[in-house]
Amino acid sequence: MINPKHKAAQEAASYVKSGMIIGVGTGSTTAYFIQELVKLFQQGIDFATIPTSKATAVILQQFELPVLSMEEVSTIDLTVDGADEIDKELQLIKGGGGALLQEKMVAFVSKKYIIIADESKCVEQLGHYPLPVEVIPFGYKAVKMVIENTYGIKVVMRMKDGQPFITDHGHYILDCHFKRIDDAPSLHSHLNNITGVVDNGLFLNMADAAIIGQSDGKVFTVSI
């Protein structure tokens, strides 16, 4: 049976039309969407892509898909990306792959923003997945302490190969273990008002739809 994430990616690919500029997300789920884009391109569907990370850009280029930069476009027709958590109102936590800043910027200028995932990403309440907060390296320990003291939570510096994980834009990521987020808009605002915070992984009122692949091979779409 086909992977549920792949089924969701196949459904999302049906939204792709000739002439579109397509934002392409980062991570294991969107890798399936890239596979579908390759098939469409080989069938003669003409489109260009905007990657949300350097890693995605490399994959798109390896498959010889047309790649544009954000500086070359004013709007994006369709963006397809994954998520770490999705609630019933299509509010999201993203950033597990470390590309939340570019992902949010691409989503912001997209006419249609579709999330693809398997059913394990669907939650009643955001927060069980640690919320990524992107910070500049200078003074990051002070930012970490402010978040810990303000919210009484565990905050973990993201590491890779024994060193701080570095985003595409040279920042660090603090993974914040809220466990439950009751007021996402307020939290989003408060976090982003802390000096040194670049942005956080709450994607609020951005997604137009979520295509969810199920273990039985079916998909369902949630839209607001």
C-alpha atoms as a PDB file:
ATOM      1  CA  MET A   1       0.000   0.000   0.000  1.00  0.00           C
ATOM      2  CA  ILE A   2       1.245   3.477  -0.852  1.00  0.00           C
ATOM      3  CA  ASN A   3       2.614   5.654   1.954  1.00  0.00           C
ATOM      4  CA  PRO A   4      -0.085   7.989   3.422  1.00  0.00           C
ATOM      5  CA  LYS A   5       2.211  10.973   2.968  1.00  0.00           C
ATOM      6  CA  HIS A   6       2.678  10.034  -0.661  1.00  0.00           C
ATOM      7  CA  LYS A   7      -1.087   9.794  -1.148  1.00  0.00           C
ATOM      8  CA  ALA A   8      -1.485  13.290   0.256  1.00  0.00           C
ATOM      9  CA  ALA A   9       1.285  14.541  -2.053  1.00  0.00           C
ATOM     10  CA  GLN A  10      -0.429  13.001  -5.066  1.00  0.00           C
ATOM     11  CA  GLU A  11      -3.659  14.783  -4.174  1.00  0.00           C
ATOM     12  CA  ALA A  12      -1.837  18.099  -3.738  1.00  0.00           C
ATOM     13  CA  ALA A  13      -0.205  17.680  -7.147  1.00  0.00           C
ATOM     14  CA  SER A  14      -3.657  17.822  -8.748  1.00  0.00           C
ATOM     15  CA  TYR A  15      -3.713  21.551  -7.933  1.00  0.00           C
ATOM     16  CA  VAL A  16      -0.655  22.226 -10.093  1.00  0.00           C
ATOM     17  CA  LYS A  17      -1.402  23.877 -13.440  1.00  0.00           C
ATOM     18  CA  SER A  18       0.764  25.132 -16.302  1.00  0.00           C
ATOM     19  CA  GLY A  19       2.127  28.605 -15.794  1.00  0.00           C
ATOM     20  CA  MET A  20       2.111  28.413 -12.002  1.00  0.00           C
ATOM     21  CA  ILE A  21       4.858  29.388  -9.601  1.00  0.00           C
ATOM     22  CA  ILE A  22       4.960  26.644  -6.953  1.00  0.00           C
ATOM     23  CA  GLY A  23       6.386  27.034  -3.464  1.00  0.00           C
ATOM     24  CA  VAL A  24       7.945  23.756  -2.357  1.00  0.00           C
ATOM     25  CA  GLY A  25       8.336  22.929   1.316  1.00  0.00           C
ATOM     26  CA  THR A  26      11.080  21.179   3.241  1.00  0.00           C
ATOM     27  CA  GLY A  27      11.129  17.710   4.777  1.00  0.00           C
ATOM     28  CA  SER A  28      10.219  14.072   4.262  1.00  0.00           C
ATOM     29  CA  THR A  29       6.587  14.679   3.326  1.00  0.00           C
ATOM     30  CA  THR A  30       7.302  17.302   0.689  1.00  0.00           C
ATOM     31  CA  ALA A  31       9.896  14.972  -0.823  1.00  0.00           C
ATOM     32  CA  TYR A  32       6.917  12.978  -2.105  1.00  0.00           C
ATOM     33  CA  PHE A  33       5.423  16.153  -3.564  1.00  0.00           C
ATOM     34  CA  ILE A  34       8.667  16.784  -5.432  1.00  0.00           C
ATOM     35  CA  GLN A  35       8.386  13.295  -6.942  1.00  0.00           C
ATOM     36  CA  GLU A  36       4.943  14.241  -8.238  1.00  0.00           C
ATOM     37  CA  LEU A  37       6.247  17.543  -9.604  1.00  0.00           C
ATOM     38  CA  VAL A  38       8.882  15.664 -11.580  1.00  0.00           C
ATOM     39  CA  LYS A  39       6.186  13.496 -13.150  1.00  0.00           C
ATOM     40  CA  LEU A  40       4.099  16.544 -14.071  1.00  0.00           C
ATOM     41  CA  PHE A  41       7.094  18.317 -15.571  1.00  0.00           C
ATOM     42  CA  GLN A  42       7.927  15.252 -17.649  1.00  0.00           C
ATOM     43  CA  GLN A  43       4.330  15.249 -18.880  1.00  0.00           C
ATOM     44  CA  GLY A  44       4.772  18.778 -20.201  1.00  0.00           C
ATOM     45  CA  ILE A  45       3.195  20.785 -17.384  1.00  0.00           C
ATOM     46  CA  ASP A  46       5.134  24.062 -17.357  1.00  0.00           C
ATOM     47  CA  PHE A  47       5.795  25.621 -13.940  1.00  0.00           C
ATOM     48  CA  ALA A  48       8.571  27.157 -11.860  1.00  0.00           C
ATOM     49  CA  THR A  49       9.414  26.476  -8.224  1.00  0.00           C
ATOM     50  CA  ILE A  50      10.393  28.491  -5.164  1.00  0.00           C
ATOM     51  CA  PRO A  51      12.233  26.371  -2.568  1.00  0.00           C
ATOM     52  CA  THR A  52      11.775  26.997   1.154  1.00  0.00           C
ATOM     53  CA  SER A  53      15.314  25.901   2.031  1.00  0.00           C
ATOM     54  CA  LYS A  54      18.736  25.274   0.557  1.00  0.00           C
ATOM     55  CA  ALA A  55      18.133  21.535   0.951  1.00  0.00           C
ATOM     56  CA  THR A  56      14.941  21.712  -1.112  1.00  0.00           C
ATOM     57  CA  ALA A  57      16.673  23.865  -3.725  1.00  0.00           C
ATOM     58  CA  VAL A  58      19.360  21.206  -4.168  1.00  0.00           C
ATOM     59  CA  ILE A  59      16.757  18.470  -4.686  1.00  0.00           C
ATOM     60  CA  LEU A  60      14.783  20.553  -7.195  1.00  0.00           C
ATOM     61  CA  GLN A  61      17.946  21.309  -9.137  1.00  0.00           C
ATOM     62  CA  GLN A  62      18.982  17.656  -9.111  1.00  0.00           C
ATOM     63  CA  PHE A  63      15.700  16.833 -10.854  1.00  0.00           C
ATOM     64  CA  GLU A  64      16.266  19.761 -13.247  1.00  0.00           C
ATOM     65  CA  LEU A  65      13.069  21.515 -12.252  1.00  0.00           C
ATOM     66  CA  PRO A  66      12.980  25.302 -12.884  1.00  0.00           C
ATOM     67  CA  VAL A  67      13.967  27.148  -9.697  1.00  0.00           C
ATOM     68  CA  LEU A  68      13.386  30.842  -9.011  1.00  0.00           C
ATOM     69  CA  SER A  69      14.405  33.007  -6.063  1.00  0.00           C
ATOM     70  CA  MET A  70      12.013  35.028  -3.935  1.00  0.00           C
ATOM     71  CA  GLU A  71      13.543  38.189  -5.393  1.00  0.00           C
ATOM     72  CA  GLU A  72      12.262  37.205  -8.839  1.00  0.00           C
ATOM     73  CA  VAL A  73       8.576  36.968  -7.890  1.00  0.00           C
ATOM     74  CA  SER A  74       5.933  39.105  -6.184  1.00  0.00           C
ATOM     75  CA  THR A  75       3.422  36.331  -5.547  1.00  0.00           C
ATOM     76  CA  ILE A  76       3.387  32.530  -5.515  1.00  0.00           C
ATOM     77  CA  ASP A  77       0.379  30.706  -6.972  1.00  0.00           C
ATOM     78  CA  LEU A  78       0.520  27.598  -4.799  1.00  0.00           C
ATOM     79  CA  THR A  79       2.713  26.401  -1.952  1.00  0.00           C
ATOM     80  CA  VAL A  80       2.677  22.830  -0.663  1.00  0.00           C
ATOM     81  CA  ASP A  81       4.435  22.014   2.593  1.00  0.00           C
ATOM     82  CA  GLY A  82       4.304  19.670   5.550  1.00  0.00           C
ATOM     83  CA  ALA A  83       3.637  20.393   9.234  1.00  0.00           C
ATOM     84  CA  ASP A  84       4.562  19.018  12.623  1.00  0.00           C
ATOM     85  CA  GLU A  85       1.106  19.617  14.117  1.00  0.00           C
ATOM     86  CA  ILE A  86      -2.234  20.582  12.583  1.00  0.00           C
ATOM     87  CA  ASP A  87      -5.329  21.421  14.619  1.00  0.00           C
ATOM     88  CA  LYS A  88      -8.982  21.467  13.529  1.00  0.00           C
ATOM     89  CA  GLU A  89      -8.788  25.159  12.605  1.00  0.00           C
ATOM     90  CA  LEU A  90      -5.702  24.568  10.414  1.00  0.00           C
ATOM     91  CA  GLN A  91      -3.389  26.283  12.835  1.00  0.00           C
ATOM     92  CA  LEU A  92       0.068  24.781  12.589  1.00  0.00           C
ATOM     93  CA  ILE A  93       3.343  24.131  14.307  1.00  0.00           C
ATOM     94  CA  LYS A  94       6.207  23.950  11.826  1.00  0.00           C
ATOM     95  CA  GLY A  95       9.968  24.121  11.960  1.00  0.00           C
ATOM     96  CA  GLY A  96      10.987  20.590  12.844  1.00  0.00           C
ATOM     97  CA  GLY A  97      13.194  20.609   9.767  1.00  0.00           C
ATOM     98  CA  GLY A  98      14.743  23.935  10.701  1.00  0.00           C
ATOM     99  CA  ALA A  99      13.398  25.993   7.779  1.00  0.00           C
ATOM    100  CA  LEU A 100      10.518  27.806   9.466  1.00  0.00           C
ATOM    101  CA  LEU A 101      11.602  31.329   8.523  1.00  0.00           C
ATOM    102  CA  GLN A 102      11.742  30.756   4.774  1.00  0.00           C
ATOM    103  CA  GLU A 103       8.694  28.491   4.942  1.00  0.00           C
ATOM    104  CA  LYS A 104       6.703  31.271   6.579  1.00  0.00           C
ATOM    105  CA  MET A 105       7.939  33.891   4.130  1.00  0.00           C
ATOM    106  CA  VAL A 106       6.963  31.726   1.151  1.00  0.00           C
ATOM    107  CA  ALA A 107       3.572  30.947   2.712  1.00  0.00           C
ATOM    108  CA  PHE A 108       2.968  34.646   3.337  1.00  0.00           C
ATOM    109  CA  VAL A 109       3.088  35.562  -0.363  1.00  0.00           C
ATOM    110  CA  SER A 110       1.233  32.467  -1.591  1.00  0.00           C
ATOM    111  CA  LYS A 111      -2.242  32.716  -3.088  1.00  0.00           C
ATOM    112  CA  LYS A 112      -2.991  29.152  -1.949  1.00  0.00           C
ATOM    113  CA  TYR A 113      -1.188  27.355   0.865  1.00  0.00           C
ATOM    114  CA  ILE A 114      -1.769  23.609   1.209  1.00  0.00           C
ATOM    115  CA  ILE A 115      -0.401  21.379   3.961  1.00  0.00           C
ATOM    116  CA  ILE A 116       0.176  17.680   3.321  1.00  0.00           C
ATOM    117  CA  ALA A 117       0.630  15.170   6.130  1.00  0.00           C
ATOM    118  CA  ASP A 118      -0.380  11.811   7.499  1.00  0.00           C
ATOM    119  CA  GLU A 119      -3.011  11.548  10.223  1.00  0.00           C
ATOM    120  CA  SER A 120      -0.403  11.390  12.997  1.00  0.00           C
ATOM    121  CA  LYS A 121       0.099  15.159  12.588  1.00  0.00           C
ATOM    122  CA  CYS A 122      -3.551  15.968  13.402  1.00  0.00           C
ATOM    123  CA  VAL A 123      -4.058  17.109  16.997  1.00  0.00           C
ATOM    124  CA  GLU A 124      -6.860  18.457  19.165  1.00  0.00           C
ATOM    125  CA  GLN A 125      -4.549  20.990  20.801  1.00  0.00           C
ATOM    126  CA  LEU A 126      -1.267  22.452  19.600  1.00  0.00           C
ATOM    127  CA  GLY A 127       1.811  22.194  21.768  1.00  0.00           C
ATOM    128  CA  HIS A 128       2.734  18.580  22.341  1.00  0.00           C
ATOM    129  CA  TYR A 129       5.338  18.961  19.598  1.00  0.00           C
ATOM    130  CA  PRO A 130       8.087  21.331  20.818  1.00  0.00           C
ATOM    131  CA  LEU A 131       7.598  24.794  19.327  1.00  0.00           C
ATOM    132  CA  PRO A 132      10.690  25.950  17.398  1.00  0.00           C
ATOM    133  CA  VAL A 133      11.776  29.530  18.025  1.00  0.00           C
ATOM    134  CA  GLU A 134      14.427  30.910  15.679  1.00  0.00           C
ATOM    135  CA  VAL A 135      16.889  33.296  17.370  1.00  0.00           C
ATOM    136  CA  ILE A 136      20.030  35.166  16.430  1.00  0.00           C
ATOM    137  CA  PRO A 137      23.167  33.607  17.943  1.00  0.00           C
ATOM    138  CA  PHE A 138      24.158  36.793  19.789  1.00  0.00           C
ATOM    139  CA  GLY A 139      22.619  36.672  23.247  1.00  0.00           C
ATOM    140  CA  TYR A 140      20.624  33.499  22.613  1.00  0.00           C
ATOM    141  CA  LYS A 141      21.142  32.314  26.195  1.00  0.00           C
ATOM    142  CA  ALA A 142      19.350  35.412  27.476  1.00  0.00           C
ATOM    143  CA  VAL A 143      16.446  34.722  25.115  1.00  0.00           C
ATOM    144  CA  LYS A 144      16.341  31.103  26.273  1.00  0.00           C
ATOM    145  CA  MET A 145      16.222  32.219  29.908  1.00  0.00           C
ATOM    146  CA  VAL A 146      13.450  34.762  29.252  1.00  0.00           C
ATOM    147  CA  ILE A 147      11.263  32.106  27.603  1.00  0.00           C
ATOM    148  CA  GLU A 148      11.931  29.589  30.373  1.00  0.00           C
ATOM    149  CA  ASN A 149      11.190  32.077  33.146  1.00  0.00           C
ATOM    150  CA  THR A 150       8.151  33.611  31.460  1.00  0.00           C
ATOM    151  CA  TYR A 151       6.388  30.355  30.658  1.00  0.00           C
ATOM    152  CA  GLY A 152       7.917  27.935  33.166  1.00  0.00           C
ATOM    153  CA  ILE A 153       8.836  25.450  30.455  1.00  0.00           C
ATOM    154  CA  LYS A 154      11.812  23.463  29.272  1.00  0.00           C
ATOM    155  CA  VAL A 155      13.693  25.109  26.378  1.00  0.00           C
ATOM    156  CA  VAL A 156      16.295  23.074  24.499  1.00  0.00           C
ATOM    157  CA  MET A 157      18.946  24.403  22.162  1.00  0.00           C
ATOM    158  CA  ARG A 158      18.710  22.389  18.946  1.00  0.00           C
ATOM    159  CA  MET A 159      21.935  20.552  18.183  1.00  0.00           C
ATOM    160  CA  LYS A 160      23.366  18.692  15.199  1.00  0.00           C
ATOM    161  CA  ASP A 161      26.507  16.560  15.285  1.00  0.00           C
ATOM    162  CA  GLY A 162      27.398  17.950  18.701  1.00  0.00           C
ATOM    163  CA  GLN A 163      27.173  21.575  17.574  1.00  0.00           C
ATOM    164  CA  PRO A 164      24.341  24.130  17.549  1.00  0.00           C
ATOM    165  CA  PHE A 165      22.035  23.602  14.585  1.00  0.00           C
ATOM    166  CA  ILE A 166      22.472  26.506  12.164  1.00  0.00           C
ATOM    167  CA  THR A 167      19.588  27.583   9.947  1.00  0.00           C
ATOM    168  CA  ASP A 168      20.014  28.632   6.324  1.00  0.00           C
ATOM    169  CA  HIS A 169      20.177  32.233   7.547  1.00  0.00           C
ATOM    170  CA  GLY A 170      22.765  31.637  10.246  1.00  0.00           C
ATOM    171  CA  HIS A 171      20.409  31.493  13.231  1.00  0.00           C
ATOM    172  CA  TYR A 172      19.903  29.094  16.132  1.00  0.00           C
ATOM    173  CA  ILE A 173      16.679  27.280  17.047  1.00  0.00           C
ATOM    174  CA  LEU A 174      15.290  26.898  20.556  1.00  0.00           C
ATOM    175  CA  ASP A 175      12.783  24.052  20.905  1.00  0.00           C
ATOM    176  CA  CYS A 176      10.202  25.068  23.492  1.00  0.00           C
ATOM    177  CA  HIS A 177       8.297  22.307  25.299  1.00  0.00           C
ATOM    178  CA  PHE A 178       4.957  23.966  26.042  1.00  0.00           C
ATOM    179  CA  LYS A 179       3.050  20.645  25.959  1.00  0.00           C
ATOM    180  CA  ARG A 180      -0.184  22.602  25.494  1.00  0.00           C
ATOM    181  CA  ILE A 181      -0.801  25.936  23.767  1.00  0.00           C
ATOM    182  CA  ASP A 182      -4.139  27.448  24.756  1.00  0.00           C
ATOM    183  CA  ASP A 183      -3.785  30.901  23.175  1.00  0.00           C
ATOM    184  CA  ALA A 184      -1.646  30.556  20.056  1.00  0.00           C
ATOM    185  CA  PRO A 185      -2.124  34.146  18.737  1.00  0.00           C
ATOM    186  CA  SER A 186      -1.056  35.644  22.065  1.00  0.00           C
ATOM    187  CA  LEU A 187       1.933  33.306  22.369  1.00  0.00           C
ATOM    188  CA  HIS A 188       2.997  34.056  18.789  1.00  0.00           C
ATOM    189  CA  SER A 189       2.937  37.780  19.475  1.00  0.00           C
ATOM    190  CA  HIS A 190       4.696  37.550  22.836  1.00  0.00           C
ATOM    191  CA  LEU A 191       7.504  35.360  21.526  1.00  0.00           C
ATOM    192  CA  ASN A 192       8.146  37.538  18.499  1.00  0.00           C
ATOM    193  CA  ASN A 193       8.330  40.626  20.731  1.00  0.00           C
ATOM    194  CA  ILE A 194      11.321  39.199  22.610  1.00  0.00           C
ATOM    195  CA  THR A 195      14.439  40.963  21.380  1.00  0.00           C
ATOM    196  CA  GLY A 196      16.624  38.445  19.566  1.00  0.00           C
ATOM    197  CA  VAL A 197      13.758  36.273  18.349  1.00  0.00           C
ATOM    198  CA  VAL A 198      13.545  36.135  14.550  1.00  0.00           C
ATOM    199  CA  ASP A 199      10.267  34.194  14.334  1.00  0.00           C
ATOM    200  CA  ASN A 200       8.569  31.133  15.753  1.00  0.00           C
ATOM    201  CA  GLY A 201       6.971  27.994  14.350  1.00  0.00           C
ATOM    202  CA  LEU A 202       3.330  28.953  14.878  1.00  0.00           C
ATOM    203  CA  PHE A 203       1.733  29.320  11.443  1.00  0.00           C
ATOM    204  CA  LEU A 204      -1.607  30.939  12.224  1.00  0.00           C
ATOM    205  CA  ASN A 205      -4.403  31.684   9.755  1.00  0.00           C
ATOM    206  CA  MET A 206      -2.128  30.819   6.832  1.00  0.00           C
ATOM    207  CA  ALA A 207      -3.181  27.388   5.565  1.00  0.00           C
ATOM    208  CA  ASP A 208      -6.085  27.206   3.117  1.00  0.00           C
ATOM    209  CA  ALA A 209      -6.336  23.420   3.301  1.00  0.00           C
ATOM    210  CA  ALA A 210      -4.692  20.333   4.735  1.00  0.00           C
ATOM    211  CA  ILE A 211      -4.626  17.107   2.767  1.00  0.00           C
ATOM    212  CA  ILE A 212      -4.305  14.184   5.163  1.00  0.00           C
ATOM    213  CA  GLY A 213      -3.236  10.714   4.081  1.00  0.00           C
ATOM    214  CA  GLN A 214      -4.683   7.848   6.098  1.00  0.00           C
ATOM    215  CA  SER A 215      -3.319   4.400   6.858  1.00  0.00           C
ATOM    216  CA  ASP A 216      -6.196   2.809   4.902  1.00  0.00           C
ATOM    217  CA  GLY A 217      -4.897   4.445   1.709  1.00  0.00           C
ATOM    218  CA  LYS A 218      -7.555   7.148   1.564  1.00  0.00           C
ATOM    219  CA  VAL A 219      -7.100  10.900   1.864  1.00  0.00           C
ATOM    220  CA  PHE A 220      -9.321  13.604   3.250  1.00  0.00           C
ATOM    221  CA  THR A 221      -9.057  17.355   2.894  1.00  0.00           C
ATOM    222  CA  VAL A 222      -9.737  19.858   5.657  1.00  0.00           C
ATOM    223  CA  SER A 223     -10.370  23.462   4.634  1.00  0.00           C
ATOM    224  CA  ILE A 224     -11.623  26.579   6.375  1.00  0.00           C
END
